[in-house]
Amino acid sequence: MTIAFDDGQVIDVESSGPDFVFSAVLPPHHAGPPAHRHRRETEVFTVESGLLVVRLGRERRLVVPGETVSVPPGVTHAFANPGDEPTRLRTVERPAGPLQAQLRAMAPTGRPPLRELARINAEHDFSFTVAGLPDAPQRVLWRLLARL
């Protein structure tokens, strides 16, 4: 299955269980997702071509082709393509959590439909949280949005 976004990002799903495995192409200067964390899932990014800047906690790393970054559960992270060329990466979310459903919900515009994302997050026991806000208030907000 392919998920395409209006901004040129393309995701090709390889496997959706027990791990979610996909390849993605990020267009040049793609800002990527906001800083966030996953309560139970580990994400592993392997750059196949291009460049990727990964925020891992307070650290920022430039990841080049052939390098891998592993993000343990609970660690705040984000990523972006800082280069003038597309970046191709392979991502493994272990175990599969809400990411595939979130990506499908955001296609093709890339903008998060908050009520749908809240419903997906509620179905996955509030595994996804945005950085900068404590988890407990976010769970309350996600629940309220999911009920709308």
N, C-alpha and C. Protein backbone atom coordinates (compact mmCIF):
# COMPACT_ATOMS: atom_id res chain seq x y z
N MET A 1 0.84 -1.16 0.00
CA MET A 1 0.00 0.00 0.00
C MET A 1 0.90 1.24 0.00
N THR A 2 0.50 2.23 -0.78
CA THR A 2 1.22 3.49 -0.86
C THR A 2 0.34 4.60 -0.29
N ILE A 3 0.94 5.46 0.54
CA ILE A 3 0.26 6.63 1.09
C ILE A 3 1.00 7.84 0.55
N ALA A 4 0.31 8.68 -0.23
CA ALA A 4 0.94 9.86 -0.83
C ALA A 4 0.35 11.12 -0.23
N PHE A 5 1.20 12.11 -0.03
CA PHE A 5 0.80 13.38 0.55
C PHE A 5 0.98 14.49 -0.49
N ASP A 6 0.18 15.55 -0.35
CA ASP A 6 0.24 16.67 -1.28
C ASP A 6 1.61 17.35 -1.30
N ASP A 7 2.38 17.26 -0.20
CA ASP A 7 3.68 17.94 -0.14
C ASP A 7 4.80 17.13 -0.77
N GLY A 8 4.48 15.97 -1.36
CA GLY A 8 5.48 15.15 -2.03
C GLY A 8 5.99 13.98 -1.21
N GLN A 9 5.61 13.89 0.05
CA GLN A 9 6.02 12.75 0.88
C GLN A 9 5.26 11.51 0.40
N VAL A 10 5.97 10.40 0.27
CA VAL A 10 5.37 9.14 -0.16
C VAL A 10 5.82 8.04 0.78
N ILE A 11 4.86 7.24 1.22
CA ILE A 11 5.13 6.13 2.14
C ILE A 11 4.68 4.84 1.49
N ASP A 12 5.57 3.85 1.45
CA ASP A 12 5.25 2.53 0.93
C ASP A 12 5.28 1.55 2.09
N VAL A 13 4.12 1.01 2.44
CA VAL A 13 4.00 0.08 3.55
C VAL A 13 4.50 -1.29 3.12
N GLU A 14 5.42 -1.85 3.92
CA GLU A 14 5.95 -3.18 3.66
C GLU A 14 5.26 -4.23 4.52
N SER A 15 4.98 -3.87 5.78
CA SER A 15 4.37 -4.81 6.73
C SER A 15 3.65 -4.02 7.79
N SER A 16 2.49 -4.54 8.23
CA SER A 16 1.73 -3.80 9.25
C SER A 16 1.56 -4.58 10.54
N GLY A 17 2.19 -5.73 10.67
CA GLY A 17 2.09 -6.46 11.92
C GLY A 17 2.97 -7.69 11.90
N PRO A 18 3.59 -8.05 13.01
CA PRO A 18 3.50 -7.43 14.32
C PRO A 18 4.24 -6.10 14.42
N ASP A 19 5.15 -5.81 13.45
CA ASP A 19 5.82 -4.52 13.37
C ASP A 19 5.25 -3.76 12.18
N PHE A 20 5.27 -2.44 12.25
CA PHE A 20 4.89 -1.61 11.12
C PHE A 20 6.19 -1.19 10.43
N VAL A 21 6.37 -1.67 9.19
CA VAL A 21 7.59 -1.42 8.44
C VAL A 21 7.22 -0.68 7.16
N PHE A 22 7.91 0.43 6.90
CA PHE A 22 7.62 1.18 5.68
C PHE A 22 8.84 1.94 5.21
N SER A 23 8.84 2.25 3.92
CA SER A 23 9.84 3.13 3.32
C SER A 23 9.15 4.45 3.06
N ALA A 24 9.91 5.53 3.23
CA ALA A 24 9.34 6.86 3.01
C ALA A 24 10.32 7.68 2.19
N VAL A 25 9.76 8.54 1.35
CA VAL A 25 10.55 9.54 0.65
C VAL A 25 10.07 10.89 1.15
N LEU A 26 11.01 11.65 1.73
CA LEU A 26 10.72 13.00 2.21
C LEU A 26 11.27 13.98 1.19
N PRO A 27 10.45 14.91 0.71
CA PRO A 27 10.95 15.88 -0.26
C PRO A 27 11.99 16.80 0.37
N PRO A 28 12.75 17.52 -0.46
CA PRO A 28 13.75 18.44 0.08
C PRO A 28 13.13 19.43 1.06
N HIS A 29 13.86 19.69 2.13
CA HIS A 29 13.47 20.67 3.16
C HIS A 29 12.14 20.33 3.84
N HIS A 30 11.79 19.06 3.88
CA HIS A 30 10.55 18.62 4.54
C HIS A 30 10.72 18.74 6.05
N ALA A 31 9.78 19.42 6.70
CA ALA A 31 9.89 19.69 8.15
C ALA A 31 9.65 18.47 9.02
N GLY A 32 8.98 17.45 8.52
CA GLY A 32 8.71 16.26 9.32
C GLY A 32 7.67 16.51 10.39
N PRO A 33 7.45 15.53 11.26
CA PRO A 33 6.42 15.66 12.29
C PRO A 33 6.87 16.53 13.45
N PRO A 34 5.92 17.00 14.24
CA PRO A 34 6.30 17.74 15.45
C PRO A 34 6.97 16.78 16.45
N ALA A 35 7.72 17.34 17.37
CA ALA A 35 8.36 16.51 18.40
C ALA A 35 7.29 15.76 19.17
N HIS A 36 7.51 14.47 19.34
CA HIS A 36 6.52 13.60 19.98
C HIS A 36 7.22 12.40 20.61
N ARG A 37 6.44 11.58 21.29
CA ARG A 37 6.98 10.34 21.86
C ARG A 37 5.91 9.26 21.81
N HIS A 38 6.38 8.02 21.92
CA HIS A 38 5.51 6.85 21.93
C HIS A 38 5.75 6.13 23.25
N ARG A 39 4.68 5.76 23.91
CA ARG A 39 4.80 5.14 25.23
C ARG A 39 5.36 3.72 25.16
N ARG A 40 4.97 2.94 24.15
CA ARG A 40 5.37 1.53 24.10
C ARG A 40 6.22 1.16 22.88
N GLU A 41 6.17 1.96 21.84
CA GLU A 41 6.80 1.57 20.58
C GLU A 41 8.22 2.12 20.45
N THR A 42 9.08 1.31 19.85
CA THR A 42 10.42 1.74 19.45
C THR A 42 10.35 2.06 17.97
N GLU A 43 10.97 3.16 17.55
CA GLU A 43 11.07 3.48 16.13
C GLU A 43 12.53 3.43 15.72
N VAL A 44 12.77 2.79 14.59
CA VAL A 44 14.12 2.69 14.04
C VAL A 44 14.11 3.28 12.64
N PHE A 45 14.97 4.29 12.42
CA PHE A 45 15.08 4.96 11.13
C PHE A 45 16.41 4.59 10.50
N THR A 46 16.39 4.13 9.26
CA THR A 46 17.61 3.86 8.50
C THR A 46 17.56 4.70 7.23
N VAL A 47 18.54 5.56 7.07
CA VAL A 47 18.60 6.42 5.89
C VAL A 47 19.19 5.62 4.73
N GLU A 48 18.46 5.59 3.61
CA GLU A 48 18.93 4.89 2.42
C GLU A 48 19.57 5.85 1.43
N SER A 49 19.05 7.09 1.35
CA SER A 49 19.67 8.12 0.51
C SER A 49 19.24 9.48 1.04
N GLY A 50 20.07 10.48 0.76
CA GLY A 50 19.78 11.81 1.24
C GLY A 50 20.26 11.99 2.68
N LEU A 51 19.75 13.04 3.32
CA LEU A 51 20.13 13.38 4.69
C LEU A 51 18.90 13.45 5.57
N LEU A 52 19.08 13.16 6.84
CA LEU A 52 17.99 13.25 7.81
C LEU A 52 18.55 13.85 9.10
N VAL A 53 17.89 14.89 9.60
CA VAL A 53 18.23 15.41 10.91
C VAL A 53 17.23 14.81 11.88
N VAL A 54 17.73 14.15 12.91
CA VAL A 54 16.87 13.51 13.90
C VAL A 54 17.11 14.18 15.25
N ARG A 55 16.00 14.59 15.86
CA ARG A 55 16.06 15.06 17.25
C ARG A 55 15.78 13.84 18.10
N LEU A 56 16.66 13.57 19.04
CA LEU A 56 16.53 12.43 19.94
C LEU A 56 16.75 12.96 21.34
N GLY A 57 15.65 13.22 22.06
CA GLY A 57 15.76 13.91 23.33
C GLY A 57 16.19 15.34 23.05
N ARG A 58 17.28 15.77 23.68
CA ARG A 58 17.81 17.12 23.44
C ARG A 58 18.90 17.15 22.39
N GLU A 59 19.30 15.98 21.94
CA GLU A 59 20.37 15.86 20.96
C GLU A 59 19.81 15.92 19.54
N ARG A 60 20.58 16.50 18.64
CA ARG A 60 20.24 16.50 17.21
C ARG A 60 21.38 15.80 16.47
N ARG A 61 20.99 14.92 15.56
CA ARG A 61 21.99 14.16 14.80
C ARG A 61 21.72 14.31 13.31
N LEU A 62 22.78 14.43 12.54
CA LEU A 62 22.67 14.35 11.09
C LEU A 62 22.93 12.90 10.72
N VAL A 63 21.96 12.28 10.08
CA VAL A 63 22.05 10.86 9.73
C VAL A 63 22.23 10.76 8.22
N VAL A 64 23.25 10.03 7.81
CA VAL A 64 23.59 9.90 6.39
C VAL A 64 23.27 8.49 5.92
N PRO A 65 23.29 8.25 4.59
CA PRO A 65 22.95 6.92 4.07
C PRO A 65 23.76 5.82 4.74
N GLY A 66 23.04 4.76 5.10
CA GLY A 66 23.65 3.60 5.75
C GLY A 66 23.60 3.67 7.27
N GLU A 67 23.28 4.83 7.83
CA GLU A 67 23.21 4.96 9.28
C GLU A 67 21.79 4.73 9.79
N THR A 68 21.71 4.26 11.04
CA THR A 68 20.44 3.94 11.68
C THR A 68 20.37 4.65 13.02
N VAL A 69 19.17 5.12 13.36
CA VAL A 69 18.90 5.71 14.67
C VAL A 69 17.73 4.95 15.27
N SER A 70 17.88 4.53 16.51
CA SER A 70 16.82 3.83 17.22
C SER A 70 16.27 4.74 18.31
N VAL A 71 14.95 4.89 18.35
CA VAL A 71 14.29 5.74 19.33
C VAL A 71 13.51 4.85 20.30
N PRO A 72 13.98 4.74 21.54
CA PRO A 72 13.28 3.89 22.52
C PRO A 72 11.94 4.51 22.93
N PRO A 73 11.05 3.70 23.48
CA PRO A 73 9.77 4.23 23.98
C PRO A 73 10.02 5.35 24.99
N GLY A 74 9.16 6.36 24.93
CA GLY A 74 9.21 7.45 25.89
C GLY A 74 10.18 8.57 25.57
N VAL A 75 10.99 8.42 24.52
CA VAL A 75 11.98 9.43 24.17
C VAL A 75 11.38 10.40 23.15
N THR A 76 11.46 11.68 23.44
CA THR A 76 10.98 12.70 22.52
C THR A 76 11.84 12.70 21.28
N HIS A 77 11.19 12.74 20.11
CA HIS A 77 11.93 12.72 18.86
C HIS A 77 11.16 13.44 17.76
N ALA A 78 11.89 13.81 16.74
CA ALA A 78 11.35 14.40 15.52
C ALA A 78 12.41 14.22 14.45
N PHE A 79 12.05 14.45 13.21
CA PHE A 79 13.03 14.34 12.13
C PHE A 79 12.62 15.26 10.99
N ALA A 80 13.60 15.58 10.15
CA ALA A 80 13.36 16.45 9.00
C ALA A 80 14.42 16.19 7.94
N ASN A 81 14.10 16.55 6.72
CA ASN A 81 15.06 16.49 5.63
C ASN A 81 15.62 17.90 5.43
N PRO A 82 16.88 18.13 5.82
CA PRO A 82 17.45 19.47 5.68
C PRO A 82 18.05 19.74 4.30
N GLY A 83 18.11 18.70 3.47
CA GLY A 83 18.87 18.80 2.22
C GLY A 83 18.07 19.30 1.03
N ASP A 84 18.79 19.47 -0.06
CA ASP A 84 18.21 19.92 -1.33
C ASP A 84 17.74 18.75 -2.18
N GLU A 85 17.98 17.54 -1.72
CA GLU A 85 17.56 16.32 -2.43
C GLU A 85 16.56 15.56 -1.58
N PRO A 86 15.72 14.72 -2.20
CA PRO A 86 14.81 13.88 -1.40
C PRO A 86 15.61 12.95 -0.49
N THR A 87 15.01 12.59 0.63
CA THR A 87 15.58 11.61 1.55
C THR A 87 14.72 10.36 1.51
N ARG A 88 15.37 9.23 1.35
CA ARG A 88 14.66 7.95 1.41
C ARG A 88 15.09 7.24 2.68
N LEU A 89 14.12 6.80 3.47
CA LEU A 89 14.44 6.10 4.70
C LEU A 89 13.49 4.93 4.89
N ARG A 90 13.96 3.99 5.67
CA ARG A 90 13.15 2.83 6.06
C ARG A 90 12.90 2.97 7.55
N THR A 91 11.65 2.77 7.94
CA THR A 91 11.26 2.91 9.34
C THR A 91 10.60 1.63 9.82
N VAL A 92 10.95 1.24 11.04
CA VAL A 92 10.32 0.11 11.70
C VAL A 92 9.76 0.61 13.02
N GLU A 93 8.45 0.45 13.21
CA GLU A 93 7.80 0.73 14.48
C GLU A 93 7.51 -0.62 15.13
N ARG A 94 8.14 -0.84 16.31
CA ARG A 94 8.07 -2.15 16.96
C ARG A 94 7.61 -2.01 18.39
N PRO A 95 6.50 -2.64 18.78
CA PRO A 95 5.49 -3.30 17.94
C PRO A 95 4.66 -2.25 17.21
N ALA A 96 3.92 -2.70 16.21
CA ALA A 96 3.07 -1.78 15.46
C ALA A 96 2.10 -1.10 16.41
N GLY A 97 2.07 0.20 16.35
CA GLY A 97 1.15 1.00 17.17
C GLY A 97 0.22 1.78 16.27
N PRO A 98 -0.07 3.02 16.62
CA PRO A 98 -1.05 3.80 15.87
C PRO A 98 -0.51 4.49 14.62
N LEU A 99 0.78 4.39 14.35
CA LEU A 99 1.40 5.18 13.28
C LEU A 99 0.75 4.98 11.91
N GLN A 100 0.51 3.74 11.51
CA GLN A 100 -0.05 3.51 10.18
C GLN A 100 -1.43 4.16 10.06
N ALA A 101 -2.27 4.00 11.04
CA ALA A 101 -3.60 4.61 11.00
C ALA A 101 -3.49 6.14 11.01
N GLN A 102 -2.54 6.68 11.78
CA GLN A 102 -2.35 8.14 11.80
C GLN A 102 -1.93 8.66 10.43
N LEU A 103 -1.01 7.97 9.78
CA LEU A 103 -0.55 8.40 8.46
C LEU A 103 -1.69 8.36 7.45
N ARG A 104 -2.47 7.29 7.47
CA ARG A 104 -3.61 7.20 6.55
C ARG A 104 -4.60 8.34 6.79
N ALA A 105 -4.83 8.68 8.07
CA ALA A 105 -5.79 9.74 8.40
C ALA A 105 -5.30 11.10 7.92
N MET A 106 -3.98 11.31 7.88
CA MET A 106 -3.44 12.61 7.49
C MET A 106 -3.29 12.76 5.98
N ALA A 107 -3.29 11.66 5.22
CA ALA A 107 -3.14 11.75 3.77
C ALA A 107 -4.44 12.31 3.17
N PRO A 108 -4.39 13.08 2.12
CA PRO A 108 -3.21 13.52 1.38
C PRO A 108 -2.66 14.87 1.84
N THR A 109 -3.36 15.57 2.71
CA THR A 109 -2.96 16.94 3.03
C THR A 109 -1.79 17.02 3.99
N GLY A 110 -1.59 16.00 4.84
CA GLY A 110 -0.54 16.05 5.84
C GLY A 110 -0.96 16.78 7.10
N ARG A 111 -2.13 17.39 7.07
CA ARG A 111 -2.65 18.10 8.25
C ARG A 111 -3.40 17.12 9.13
N PRO A 112 -3.18 17.18 10.41
CA PRO A 112 -3.83 16.21 11.30
C PRO A 112 -5.30 16.53 11.55
N PRO A 113 -6.20 15.63 11.18
CA PRO A 113 -7.60 15.78 11.57
C PRO A 113 -7.71 15.37 13.05
N LEU A 114 -7.75 16.34 13.93
CA LEU A 114 -7.59 16.07 15.36
C LEU A 114 -8.58 15.08 15.93
N ARG A 115 -9.84 15.15 15.53
CA ARG A 115 -10.81 14.18 16.09
C ARG A 115 -10.47 12.76 15.67
N GLU A 116 -10.07 12.59 14.41
CA GLU A 116 -9.71 11.25 13.94
C GLU A 116 -8.44 10.76 14.61
N LEU A 117 -7.44 11.64 14.75
CA LEU A 117 -6.22 11.25 15.44
C LEU A 117 -6.50 10.91 16.91
N ALA A 118 -7.41 11.65 17.52
CA ALA A 118 -7.78 11.36 18.92
C ALA A 118 -8.43 9.99 19.02
N ARG A 119 -9.31 9.66 18.06
CA ARG A 119 -9.96 8.35 18.07
C ARG A 119 -8.92 7.23 17.92
N ILE A 120 -7.98 7.43 16.99
CA ILE A 120 -6.93 6.43 16.77
C ILE A 120 -6.08 6.29 18.02
N ASN A 121 -5.70 7.40 18.62
CA ASN A 121 -4.87 7.37 19.82
C ASN A 121 -5.59 6.68 20.98
N ALA A 122 -6.89 6.95 21.11
CA ALA A 122 -7.68 6.29 22.16
C ALA A 122 -7.72 4.78 21.94
N GLU A 123 -7.85 4.36 20.68
CA GLU A 123 -7.87 2.93 20.37
C GLU A 123 -6.55 2.25 20.74
N HIS A 124 -5.48 3.00 20.77
CA HIS A 124 -4.15 2.47 21.08
C HIS A 124 -3.69 2.86 22.48
N ASP A 125 -4.66 3.07 23.37
CA ASP A 125 -4.38 3.34 24.79
C ASP A 125 -3.46 4.54 24.99
N PHE A 126 -3.66 5.57 24.15
CA PHE A 126 -2.96 6.85 24.31
C PHE A 126 -1.44 6.70 24.29
N SER A 127 -0.96 5.91 23.33
CA SER A 127 0.48 5.67 23.21
C SER A 127 1.23 6.88 22.67
N PHE A 128 0.57 7.70 21.86
CA PHE A 128 1.21 8.84 21.20
C PHE A 128 0.97 10.12 22.00
N THR A 129 2.03 10.88 22.28
CA THR A 129 1.86 12.18 22.93
C THR A 129 2.77 13.20 22.26
N VAL A 130 2.32 14.43 22.26
CA VAL A 130 3.09 15.54 21.70
C VAL A 130 4.06 16.02 22.77
N ALA A 131 5.27 16.34 22.37
CA ALA A 131 6.28 16.82 23.32
C ALA A 131 5.88 18.19 23.86
N GLY A 132 6.28 18.45 25.09
CA GLY A 132 6.05 19.75 25.69
C GLY A 132 4.86 19.82 26.61
N LEU A 133 4.02 18.80 26.59
CA LEU A 133 2.86 18.73 27.48
C LEU A 133 2.92 17.43 28.27
N PRO A 134 2.60 17.46 29.57
CA PRO A 134 2.58 16.21 30.33
C PRO A 134 1.55 15.22 29.75
N ASP A 135 1.83 13.95 29.91
CA ASP A 135 0.96 12.91 29.33
C ASP A 135 -0.46 12.92 29.90
N ALA A 136 -0.60 13.07 31.22
CA ALA A 136 -1.94 12.96 31.83
C ALA A 136 -2.93 13.98 31.25
N PRO A 137 -2.61 15.27 31.16
CA PRO A 137 -3.58 16.19 30.55
C PRO A 137 -3.84 15.89 29.08
N GLN A 138 -2.81 15.40 28.39
CA GLN A 138 -3.03 15.04 26.98
C GLN A 138 -4.03 13.90 26.84
N ARG A 139 -3.94 12.92 27.73
CA ARG A 139 -4.91 11.81 27.66
C ARG A 139 -6.33 12.34 27.84
N VAL A 140 -6.52 13.28 28.75
CA VAL A 140 -7.86 13.87 28.96
C VAL A 140 -8.31 14.57 27.69
N LEU A 141 -7.43 15.37 27.09
CA LEU A 141 -7.79 16.08 25.86
C LEU A 141 -8.07 15.12 24.71
N TRP A 142 -7.23 14.08 24.56
CA TRP A 142 -7.45 13.09 23.50
C TRP A 142 -8.82 12.42 23.70
N ARG A 143 -9.15 12.05 24.95
CA ARG A 143 -10.46 11.42 25.22
C ARG A 143 -11.60 12.34 24.83
N LEU A 144 -11.51 13.61 25.22
CA LEU A 144 -12.57 14.57 24.89
C LEU A 144 -12.72 14.73 23.38
N LEU A 145 -11.62 14.88 22.69
CA LEU A 145 -11.69 15.01 21.23
C LEU A 145 -12.24 13.75 20.56
N ALA A 146 -11.86 12.59 21.08
CA ALA A 146 -12.34 11.32 20.50
C ALA A 146 -13.85 11.17 20.65
N ARG A 147 -14.41 11.77 21.68
CA ARG A 147 -15.86 11.65 21.92
C ARG A 147 -16.69 12.62 21.09
N LEU A 148 -16.06 13.64 20.53
CA LEU A 148 -16.81 14.63 19.73
C LEU A 148 -17.35 14.03 18.46
